[in-house]
Amino acid sequence: MNFTNKERMLLEDQKSHEEICIQKYSNYASLTNCQELKSIFKQNGQKEQEHLNTINQLLNGQVPSMNQQGGGSQQQQSQMQQQPQMQQMQGSSSFKPQSSSTSSSTNYNNSDKDLCTDILMTEKYVSGAYDTAIFEFKDPQVRNILNHIQKEEQQHGESVFKYMESKGMYQPQ
């Protein structure tokens, strides 16, 4: 598979975004005491690892087969088990929330709210970056792969949003 310079640059950008998402989800899962939020962060982090594997496959000239049900390909899943990148990134610096007090009028920890707010902003940015990349690729198969990843990024944002809304951290107006 031959990419234009722009397409390759966009894939490299998405690779960097995925690495940061993996790092954040891993770090944030270790910072929260809420088991529900920890689970959301871990699940989303695992999907981000699948996205990174897919981007790496594309950069290596391979077209991964995508499971449209959201599970990723078996090749991606086996690669995820072989690549301990999440563990390598855990020691890196990351956003640290300022406050760990619990709000008196709600049932959440302000530190968890900070983590959720940051990761939600990150997901919005990454989803938008995928949107731009999709329009720049000439190969329809690659566009479909990037579209599939973007949909999963939106699902990550939705899972964090729903958690925040259920805890009173986020009230849509």
N, C-alpha and C. Protein backbone atom coordinates (compact mmCIF):
# COMPACT_ATOMS: atom_id res chain seq x y z
N MET A 1 0.86 -1.17 0.00
CA MET A 1 0.00 0.00 0.00
C MET A 1 0.90 1.23 0.00
N ASN A 2 0.66 2.10 -0.95
CA ASN A 2 1.43 3.34 -1.06
C ASN A 2 0.58 4.51 -0.62
N PHE A 3 1.07 5.23 0.38
CA PHE A 3 0.37 6.41 0.86
C PHE A 3 1.07 7.66 0.34
N THR A 4 0.29 8.70 0.18
CA THR A 4 0.90 9.99 -0.12
C THR A 4 1.61 10.47 1.13
N ASN A 5 2.44 11.49 0.98
CA ASN A 5 3.12 12.05 2.15
C ASN A 5 2.11 12.55 3.17
N LYS A 6 1.05 13.17 2.70
CA LYS A 6 0.02 13.69 3.61
C LYS A 6 -0.69 12.56 4.34
N GLU A 7 -1.04 11.49 3.62
CA GLU A 7 -1.71 10.35 4.25
C GLU A 7 -0.80 9.73 5.32
N ARG A 8 0.46 9.56 5.00
CA ARG A 8 1.41 8.99 5.97
C ARG A 8 1.52 9.90 7.19
N MET A 9 1.60 11.21 6.97
CA MET A 9 1.68 12.16 8.08
C MET A 9 0.43 12.07 8.97
N LEU A 10 -0.74 11.95 8.34
CA LEU A 10 -1.98 11.84 9.11
C LEU A 10 -2.00 10.55 9.93
N LEU A 11 -1.53 9.45 9.36
CA LEU A 11 -1.46 8.19 10.11
C LEU A 11 -0.48 8.31 11.27
N GLU A 12 0.64 8.97 11.06
CA GLU A 12 1.60 9.17 12.15
C GLU A 12 0.99 10.01 13.27
N ASP A 13 0.21 11.03 12.88
CA ASP A 13 -0.49 11.85 13.89
C ASP A 13 -1.47 10.99 14.68
N GLN A 14 -2.25 10.17 13.97
CA GLN A 14 -3.23 9.32 14.66
C GLN A 14 -2.52 8.32 15.56
N LYS A 15 -1.38 7.82 15.14
CA LYS A 15 -0.60 6.91 15.97
C LYS A 15 -0.22 7.61 17.28
N SER A 16 0.25 8.82 17.17
CA SER A 16 0.62 9.59 18.37
C SER A 16 -0.60 9.82 19.27
N HIS A 17 -1.74 10.13 18.66
CA HIS A 17 -2.97 10.34 19.44
C HIS A 17 -3.37 9.07 20.19
N GLU A 18 -3.28 7.95 19.50
CA GLU A 18 -3.64 6.68 20.13
C GLU A 18 -2.70 6.36 21.29
N GLU A 19 -1.43 6.61 21.13
CA GLU A 19 -0.46 6.36 22.21
C GLU A 19 -0.79 7.20 23.44
N ILE A 20 -1.18 8.44 23.22
CA ILE A 20 -1.53 9.31 24.34
C ILE A 20 -2.83 8.83 25.00
N CYS A 21 -3.79 8.40 24.18
CA CYS A 21 -5.04 7.88 24.76
C CYS A 21 -4.75 6.64 25.62
N ILE A 22 -3.92 5.75 25.14
CA ILE A 22 -3.55 4.55 25.91
C ILE A 22 -2.93 4.96 27.23
N GLN A 23 -2.01 5.90 27.16
CA GLN A 23 -1.32 6.37 28.37
C GLN A 23 -2.31 6.98 29.35
N LYS A 24 -3.18 7.85 28.86
CA LYS A 24 -4.14 8.49 29.75
C LYS A 24 -5.08 7.48 30.38
N TYR A 25 -5.67 6.61 29.57
CA TYR A 25 -6.61 5.63 30.13
C TYR A 25 -5.93 4.74 31.16
N SER A 26 -4.72 4.33 30.90
CA SER A 26 -3.99 3.48 31.85
C SER A 26 -3.71 4.24 33.15
N ASN A 27 -3.19 5.44 33.02
CA ASN A 27 -2.89 6.24 34.21
C ASN A 27 -4.15 6.58 34.99
N TYR A 28 -5.19 6.96 34.28
CA TYR A 28 -6.42 7.37 34.96
C TYR A 28 -7.09 6.19 35.65
N ALA A 29 -7.01 5.00 35.06
CA ALA A 29 -7.57 3.82 35.73
C ALA A 29 -6.86 3.57 37.06
N SER A 30 -5.59 3.88 37.12
CA SER A 30 -4.85 3.68 38.37
C SER A 30 -5.10 4.80 39.38
N LEU A 31 -5.59 5.95 38.93
CA LEU A 31 -5.81 7.08 39.83
C LEU A 31 -7.19 7.09 40.48
N THR A 32 -8.17 6.44 39.85
CA THR A 32 -9.53 6.48 40.41
C THR A 32 -9.73 5.32 41.39
N ASN A 33 -10.55 5.57 42.38
CA ASN A 33 -10.94 4.51 43.32
C ASN A 33 -12.31 3.93 42.96
N CYS A 34 -13.00 4.57 42.02
CA CYS A 34 -14.32 4.11 41.60
C CYS A 34 -14.15 2.93 40.65
N GLN A 35 -14.68 1.77 41.03
CA GLN A 35 -14.53 0.57 40.21
C GLN A 35 -15.24 0.69 38.86
N GLU A 36 -16.38 1.36 38.84
CA GLU A 36 -17.10 1.55 37.58
C GLU A 36 -16.27 2.38 36.61
N LEU A 37 -15.70 3.47 37.09
CA LEU A 37 -14.89 4.33 36.25
C LEU A 37 -13.59 3.64 35.84
N LYS A 38 -13.00 2.91 36.77
CA LYS A 38 -11.79 2.13 36.47
C LYS A 38 -12.06 1.16 35.32
N SER A 39 -13.22 0.51 35.35
CA SER A 39 -13.60 -0.43 34.30
C SER A 39 -13.77 0.28 32.95
N ILE A 40 -14.42 1.43 32.95
CA ILE A 40 -14.59 2.21 31.72
C ILE A 40 -13.23 2.58 31.14
N PHE A 41 -12.35 3.07 31.99
CA PHE A 41 -11.02 3.48 31.54
C PHE A 41 -10.23 2.28 30.98
N LYS A 42 -10.30 1.15 31.66
CA LYS A 42 -9.56 -0.02 31.19
C LYS A 42 -10.11 -0.53 29.85
N GLN A 43 -11.44 -0.60 29.73
CA GLN A 43 -12.05 -1.07 28.48
C GLN A 43 -11.71 -0.14 27.32
N ASN A 44 -11.83 1.16 27.56
CA ASN A 44 -11.52 2.11 26.50
C ASN A 44 -10.03 2.06 26.14
N GLY A 45 -9.19 1.88 27.13
CA GLY A 45 -7.75 1.77 26.88
C GLY A 45 -7.42 0.55 26.02
N GLN A 46 -8.11 -0.56 26.25
CA GLN A 46 -7.89 -1.75 25.43
C GLN A 46 -8.29 -1.50 23.98
N LYS A 47 -9.38 -0.79 23.78
CA LYS A 47 -9.79 -0.46 22.41
C LYS A 47 -8.80 0.49 21.76
N GLU A 48 -8.26 1.41 22.54
CA GLU A 48 -7.26 2.33 21.99
C GLU A 48 -6.02 1.54 21.54
N GLN A 49 -5.67 0.49 22.28
CA GLN A 49 -4.55 -0.36 21.88
C GLN A 49 -4.85 -1.03 20.54
N GLU A 50 -6.09 -1.48 20.36
CA GLU A 50 -6.49 -2.07 19.07
C GLU A 50 -6.36 -1.04 17.95
N HIS A 51 -6.76 0.21 18.25
CA HIS A 51 -6.64 1.27 17.25
C HIS A 51 -5.18 1.48 16.88
N LEU A 52 -4.32 1.52 17.89
CA LEU A 52 -2.89 1.69 17.63
C LEU A 52 -2.36 0.55 16.77
N ASN A 53 -2.77 -0.66 17.08
CA ASN A 53 -2.33 -1.82 16.28
C ASN A 53 -2.77 -1.66 14.82
N THR A 54 -4.00 -1.20 14.62
CA THR A 54 -4.51 -0.99 13.27
C THR A 54 -3.70 0.07 12.53
N ILE A 55 -3.44 1.18 13.19
CA ILE A 55 -2.66 2.26 12.56
C ILE A 55 -1.26 1.75 12.22
N ASN A 56 -0.65 0.99 13.13
CA ASN A 56 0.68 0.43 12.85
C ASN A 56 0.64 -0.52 11.65
N GLN A 57 -0.42 -1.32 11.55
CA GLN A 57 -0.55 -2.21 10.39
C GLN A 57 -0.62 -1.39 9.10
N LEU A 58 -1.41 -0.34 9.11
CA LEU A 58 -1.52 0.51 7.92
C LEU A 58 -0.17 1.11 7.57
N LEU A 59 0.54 1.62 8.57
CA LEU A 59 1.85 2.22 8.33
C LEU A 59 2.85 1.20 7.78
N ASN A 60 2.64 -0.07 8.11
CA ASN A 60 3.50 -1.14 7.60
C ASN A 60 3.03 -1.68 6.26
N GLY A 61 2.02 -1.03 5.67
CA GLY A 61 1.54 -1.42 4.35
C GLY A 61 0.53 -2.54 4.34
N GLN A 62 0.01 -2.91 5.50
CA GLN A 62 -0.98 -3.98 5.59
C GLN A 62 -2.37 -3.37 5.78
N VAL A 63 -3.36 -3.99 5.17
CA VAL A 63 -4.74 -3.56 5.36
C VAL A 63 -5.40 -4.53 6.31
N PRO A 64 -5.64 -4.10 7.55
CA PRO A 64 -6.27 -5.00 8.52
C PRO A 64 -7.73 -5.24 8.17
N SER A 65 -8.20 -6.45 8.47
CA SER A 65 -9.62 -6.70 8.31
C SER A 65 -10.32 -6.21 9.56
N MET A 66 -11.39 -5.50 9.37
CA MET A 66 -12.10 -4.91 10.50
C MET A 66 -13.37 -5.69 10.78
N ASN A 67 -13.58 -6.04 12.05
CA ASN A 67 -14.83 -6.64 12.49
C ASN A 67 -15.78 -5.49 12.77
N GLN A 68 -16.80 -5.34 11.98
CA GLN A 68 -17.70 -4.19 12.09
C GLN A 68 -18.56 -4.23 13.35
N GLN A 69 -18.49 -5.31 14.10
CA GLN A 69 -19.25 -5.36 15.36
C GLN A 69 -18.50 -4.66 16.48
N GLY A 70 -17.30 -4.14 16.20
CA GLY A 70 -16.59 -3.37 17.21
C GLY A 70 -15.53 -4.14 17.93
N GLY A 71 -15.31 -5.41 17.61
CA GLY A 71 -14.33 -6.19 18.34
C GLY A 71 -12.92 -6.13 17.78
N GLY A 72 -12.76 -5.60 16.57
CA GLY A 72 -11.45 -5.59 15.96
C GLY A 72 -11.15 -6.96 15.39
N SER A 73 -10.10 -7.05 14.62
CA SER A 73 -9.75 -8.33 14.01
C SER A 73 -9.05 -9.23 15.01
N GLN A 74 -9.05 -10.53 14.71
CA GLN A 74 -8.32 -11.46 15.58
C GLN A 74 -6.85 -11.15 15.58
N GLN A 75 -6.33 -10.71 14.42
CA GLN A 75 -4.93 -10.34 14.35
C GLN A 75 -4.65 -9.17 15.28
N GLN A 76 -5.55 -8.19 15.33
CA GLN A 76 -5.38 -7.06 16.23
C GLN A 76 -5.38 -7.54 17.68
N GLN A 77 -6.29 -8.44 18.01
CA GLN A 77 -6.39 -8.89 19.40
C GLN A 77 -5.14 -9.65 19.82
N SER A 78 -4.60 -10.47 18.91
CA SER A 78 -3.38 -11.20 19.27
C SER A 78 -2.20 -10.24 19.39
N GLN A 79 -2.16 -9.22 18.54
CA GLN A 79 -1.10 -8.23 18.65
C GLN A 79 -1.20 -7.48 19.96
N MET A 80 -2.44 -7.21 20.39
CA MET A 80 -2.63 -6.49 21.64
C MET A 80 -2.02 -7.26 22.81
N GLN A 81 -2.15 -8.58 22.76
CA GLN A 81 -1.58 -9.39 23.83
C GLN A 81 -0.06 -9.40 23.76
N GLN A 82 0.48 -9.26 22.56
CA GLN A 82 1.92 -9.32 22.39
C GLN A 82 2.60 -7.99 22.65
N GLN A 83 1.88 -6.89 22.58
CA GLN A 83 2.49 -5.58 22.73
C GLN A 83 2.18 -4.99 24.10
N PRO A 84 3.13 -4.98 24.99
CA PRO A 84 2.89 -4.46 26.35
C PRO A 84 3.05 -2.94 26.42
N GLN A 85 2.59 -2.22 25.41
CA GLN A 85 2.80 -0.79 25.37
C GLN A 85 2.07 -0.06 26.49
N MET A 86 0.93 -0.57 26.90
CA MET A 86 0.22 0.11 27.99
C MET A 86 1.06 0.10 29.26
N GLN A 87 1.72 -1.03 29.53
CA GLN A 87 2.54 -1.10 30.73
C GLN A 87 3.75 -0.19 30.61
N GLN A 88 4.33 -0.08 29.42
CA GLN A 88 5.49 0.77 29.22
C GLN A 88 5.15 2.22 29.44
N MET A 89 3.94 2.61 29.09
CA MET A 89 3.56 4.01 29.17
C MET A 89 3.08 4.43 30.55
N GLN A 90 2.81 3.48 31.42
CA GLN A 90 2.26 3.82 32.73
C GLN A 90 3.20 4.70 33.53
N GLY A 91 4.49 4.57 33.35
CA GLY A 91 5.44 5.36 34.11
C GLY A 91 5.60 6.77 33.60
N SER A 92 5.02 7.10 32.44
CA SER A 92 5.17 8.43 31.85
C SER A 92 4.36 9.44 32.64
N SER A 93 4.74 10.71 32.48
CA SER A 93 4.01 11.76 33.16
C SER A 93 2.64 11.93 32.52
N SER A 94 1.69 12.41 33.30
CA SER A 94 0.35 12.64 32.78
C SER A 94 -0.33 13.72 33.59
N PHE A 95 -1.50 14.08 33.14
CA PHE A 95 -2.33 15.05 33.84
C PHE A 95 -2.63 14.53 35.24
N LYS A 96 -2.45 15.35 36.24
CA LYS A 96 -2.77 14.99 37.62
C LYS A 96 -3.85 15.94 38.12
N PRO A 97 -4.98 15.42 38.56
CA PRO A 97 -6.05 16.29 39.03
C PRO A 97 -5.64 17.06 40.28
N GLN A 98 -6.18 18.26 40.40
CA GLN A 98 -5.83 19.14 41.50
C GLN A 98 -6.50 18.76 42.82
N SER A 99 -7.73 18.36 42.73
CA SER A 99 -8.53 18.19 43.94
C SER A 99 -8.95 16.74 44.12
N SER A 100 -9.01 16.29 45.36
CA SER A 100 -9.51 14.94 45.60
C SER A 100 -10.67 14.96 46.59
N SER A 101 -11.24 16.13 46.80
CA SER A 101 -12.37 16.21 47.73
C SER A 101 -13.65 15.76 47.05
N THR A 102 -14.62 15.39 47.86
CA THR A 102 -15.91 14.98 47.33
C THR A 102 -16.86 16.15 47.44
N SER A 103 -17.58 16.41 46.38
CA SER A 103 -18.54 17.50 46.36
C SER A 103 -19.68 17.19 47.33
N SER A 104 -20.09 18.20 48.09
CA SER A 104 -21.12 17.97 49.09
C SER A 104 -22.52 17.80 48.50
N SER A 105 -22.76 18.38 47.31
CA SER A 105 -24.11 18.30 46.74
C SER A 105 -24.26 17.18 45.72
N THR A 106 -23.20 16.45 45.45
CA THR A 106 -23.26 15.37 44.47
C THR A 106 -22.55 14.15 45.00
N ASN A 107 -22.63 13.05 44.25
CA ASN A 107 -22.04 11.81 44.72
C ASN A 107 -20.80 11.43 43.90
N TYR A 108 -19.92 12.39 43.70
CA TYR A 108 -18.70 12.09 42.96
C TYR A 108 -17.50 12.76 43.60
N ASN A 109 -16.36 12.26 43.22
CA ASN A 109 -15.08 12.78 43.67
C ASN A 109 -14.61 13.79 42.63
N ASN A 110 -14.18 14.98 43.08
CA ASN A 110 -13.74 16.01 42.14
C ASN A 110 -12.55 15.55 41.31
N SER A 111 -11.71 14.73 41.86
CA SER A 111 -10.58 14.19 41.12
C SER A 111 -11.07 13.35 39.93
N ASP A 112 -12.08 12.52 40.17
CA ASP A 112 -12.66 11.71 39.09
C ASP A 112 -13.29 12.60 38.03
N LYS A 113 -13.93 13.68 38.47
CA LYS A 113 -14.52 14.61 37.50
C LYS A 113 -13.43 15.21 36.62
N ASP A 114 -12.29 15.58 37.21
CA ASP A 114 -11.18 16.13 36.44
C ASP A 114 -10.66 15.11 35.42
N LEU A 115 -10.53 13.86 35.84
CA LEU A 115 -10.07 12.81 34.93
C LEU A 115 -11.05 12.64 33.77
N CYS A 116 -12.33 12.58 34.10
CA CYS A 116 -13.36 12.40 33.07
C CYS A 116 -13.41 13.59 32.12
N THR A 117 -13.32 14.78 32.65
CA THR A 117 -13.35 15.98 31.81
C THR A 117 -12.18 15.98 30.85
N ASP A 118 -11.00 15.64 31.34
CA ASP A 118 -9.83 15.62 30.48
C ASP A 118 -9.93 14.55 29.40
N ILE A 119 -10.35 13.36 29.77
CA ILE A 119 -10.42 12.29 28.77
C ILE A 119 -11.54 12.55 27.77
N LEU A 120 -12.63 13.17 28.20
CA LEU A 120 -13.71 13.51 27.28
C LEU A 120 -13.22 14.55 26.26
N MET A 121 -12.47 15.55 26.71
CA MET A 121 -11.90 16.53 25.78
C MET A 121 -10.93 15.86 24.82
N THR A 122 -10.17 14.91 25.31
CA THR A 122 -9.23 14.18 24.46
C THR A 122 -9.97 13.38 23.40
N GLU A 123 -11.03 12.69 23.79
CA GLU A 123 -11.81 11.90 22.83
C GLU A 123 -12.45 12.80 21.77
N LYS A 124 -12.93 13.96 22.17
CA LYS A 124 -13.50 14.89 21.19
C LYS A 124 -12.44 15.30 20.17
N TYR A 125 -11.26 15.61 20.64
CA TYR A 125 -10.18 16.01 19.75
C TYR A 125 -9.78 14.88 18.80
N VAL A 126 -9.59 13.69 19.36
CA VAL A 126 -9.15 12.55 18.55
C VAL A 126 -10.21 12.19 17.51
N SER A 127 -11.47 12.21 17.89
CA SER A 127 -12.55 11.93 16.94
C SER A 127 -12.53 12.94 15.79
N GLY A 128 -12.33 14.20 16.11
CA GLY A 128 -12.25 15.24 15.09
C GLY A 128 -11.06 15.05 14.17
N ALA A 129 -9.93 14.61 14.74
CA ALA A 129 -8.74 14.35 13.92
C ALA A 129 -8.99 13.20 12.96
N TYR A 130 -9.71 12.17 13.41
CA TYR A 130 -10.07 11.07 12.51
C TYR A 130 -10.99 11.58 11.41
N ASP A 131 -11.92 12.45 11.74
CA ASP A 131 -12.83 12.99 10.75
C ASP A 131 -12.05 13.67 9.63
N THR A 132 -11.08 14.49 9.98
CA THR A 132 -10.24 15.15 8.99
C THR A 132 -9.46 14.14 8.16
N ALA A 133 -8.88 13.16 8.82
CA ALA A 133 -8.06 12.16 8.12
C ALA A 133 -8.90 11.37 7.12
N ILE A 134 -10.11 11.01 7.51
CA ILE A 134 -10.98 10.23 6.63
C ILE A 134 -11.15 10.93 5.28
N PHE A 135 -11.33 12.22 5.30
CA PHE A 135 -11.55 12.97 4.06
C PHE A 135 -10.28 13.12 3.22
N GLU A 136 -9.13 12.86 3.80
CA GLU A 136 -7.86 13.05 3.08
C GLU A 136 -7.35 11.78 2.40
N PHE A 137 -7.94 10.62 2.70
CA PHE A 137 -7.45 9.37 2.13
C PHE A 137 -8.20 9.04 0.85
N LYS A 138 -7.44 8.63 -0.17
CA LYS A 138 -8.06 8.29 -1.45
C LYS A 138 -8.56 6.86 -1.49
N ASP A 139 -7.98 5.96 -0.70
CA ASP A 139 -8.36 4.55 -0.72
C ASP A 139 -9.63 4.34 0.12
N PRO A 140 -10.73 3.88 -0.49
CA PRO A 140 -11.98 3.73 0.26
C PRO A 140 -11.89 2.70 1.39
N GLN A 141 -11.05 1.69 1.23
CA GLN A 141 -10.89 0.69 2.29
C GLN A 141 -10.25 1.32 3.54
N VAL A 142 -9.24 2.15 3.32
CA VAL A 142 -8.60 2.84 4.45
C VAL A 142 -9.56 3.82 5.07
N ARG A 143 -10.32 4.52 4.25
CA ARG A 143 -11.33 5.45 4.78
C ARG A 143 -12.32 4.71 5.67
N ASN A 144 -12.75 3.52 5.25
CA ASN A 144 -13.68 2.72 6.06
C ASN A 144 -13.04 2.29 7.38
N ILE A 145 -11.78 1.93 7.35
CA ILE A 145 -11.08 1.53 8.58
C ILE A 145 -11.01 2.71 9.54
N LEU A 146 -10.63 3.87 9.03
CA LEU A 146 -10.55 5.06 9.88
C LEU A 146 -11.92 5.47 10.40
N ASN A 147 -12.95 5.31 9.57
CA ASN A 147 -14.32 5.60 10.00
C ASN A 147 -14.75 4.67 11.14
N HIS A 148 -14.38 3.40 11.02
CA HIS A 148 -14.68 2.43 12.07
C HIS A 148 -14.02 2.84 13.40
N ILE A 149 -12.76 3.24 13.32
CA ILE A 149 -12.05 3.68 14.53
C ILE A 149 -12.73 4.92 15.09
N GLN A 150 -13.07 5.86 14.23
CA GLN A 150 -13.72 7.09 14.70
C GLN A 150 -15.02 6.77 15.44
N LYS A 151 -15.80 5.85 14.92
CA LYS A 151 -17.05 5.47 15.61
C LYS A 151 -16.76 4.94 17.00
N GLU A 152 -15.69 4.15 17.13
CA GLU A 152 -15.34 3.64 18.46
C GLU A 152 -14.86 4.76 19.37
N GLU A 153 -14.16 5.74 18.83
CA GLU A 153 -13.75 6.90 19.63
C GLU A 153 -14.99 7.62 20.16
N GLN A 154 -16.00 7.75 19.33
CA GLN A 154 -17.24 8.38 19.76
C GLN A 154 -17.92 7.57 20.85
N GLN A 155 -17.84 6.24 20.74
CA GLN A 155 -18.40 5.38 21.79
C GLN A 155 -17.65 5.56 23.10
N HIS A 156 -16.34 5.76 23.03
CA HIS A 156 -15.57 6.02 24.26
C HIS A 156 -16.06 7.30 24.93
N GLY A 157 -16.20 8.33 24.12
CA GLY A 157 -16.70 9.60 24.65
C GLY A 157 -18.08 9.45 25.25
N GLU A 158 -18.91 8.66 24.59
CA GLU A 158 -20.27 8.44 25.09
C GLU A 158 -20.24 7.71 26.44
N SER A 159 -19.37 6.72 26.57
CA SER A 159 -19.31 5.98 27.84
C SER A 159 -18.87 6.89 28.99
N VAL A 160 -17.92 7.77 28.72
CA VAL A 160 -17.47 8.71 29.75
C VAL A 160 -18.57 9.73 30.05
N PHE A 161 -19.20 10.24 29.00
CA PHE A 161 -20.29 11.19 29.18
C PHE A 161 -21.41 10.59 30.03
N LYS A 162 -21.82 9.36 29.70
CA LYS A 162 -22.91 8.73 30.45
C LYS A 162 -22.53 8.53 31.91
N TYR A 163 -21.29 8.16 32.17
CA TYR A 163 -20.83 8.02 33.55
C TYR A 163 -20.92 9.37 34.25
N MET A 164 -20.39 10.41 33.60
CA MET A 164 -20.40 11.75 34.20
C MET A 164 -21.83 12.22 34.48
N GLU A 165 -22.70 12.00 33.52
CA GLU A 165 -24.10 12.42 33.68
C GLU A 165 -24.76 11.67 34.83
N SER A 166 -24.49 10.37 34.95
CA SER A 166 -25.10 9.56 36.01
C SER A 166 -24.64 9.96 37.39
N LYS A 167 -23.45 10.55 37.49
CA LYS A 167 -22.90 10.97 38.78
C LYS A 167 -23.11 12.43 39.07
N GLY A 168 -23.79 13.15 38.17
CA GLY A 168 -24.03 14.58 38.38
C GLY A 168 -22.84 15.44 38.04
N MET A 169 -21.88 14.91 37.32
CA MET A 169 -20.67 15.68 36.94
C MET A 169 -20.92 16.54 35.72
N TYR A 170 -21.91 16.20 34.93
CA TYR A 170 -22.13 16.84 33.64
C TYR A 170 -23.63 16.95 33.42
N GLN A 171 -24.10 18.17 33.28
CA GLN A 171 -25.51 18.37 33.01
C GLN A 171 -25.64 19.10 31.67
N PRO A 172 -26.08 18.38 30.63
CA PRO A 172 -26.27 19.04 29.34
C PRO A 172 -27.34 20.15 29.48
N GLN A 173 -27.11 21.23 28.80
CA GLN A 173 -28.04 22.36 28.92
C GLN A 173 -28.83 22.58 27.67
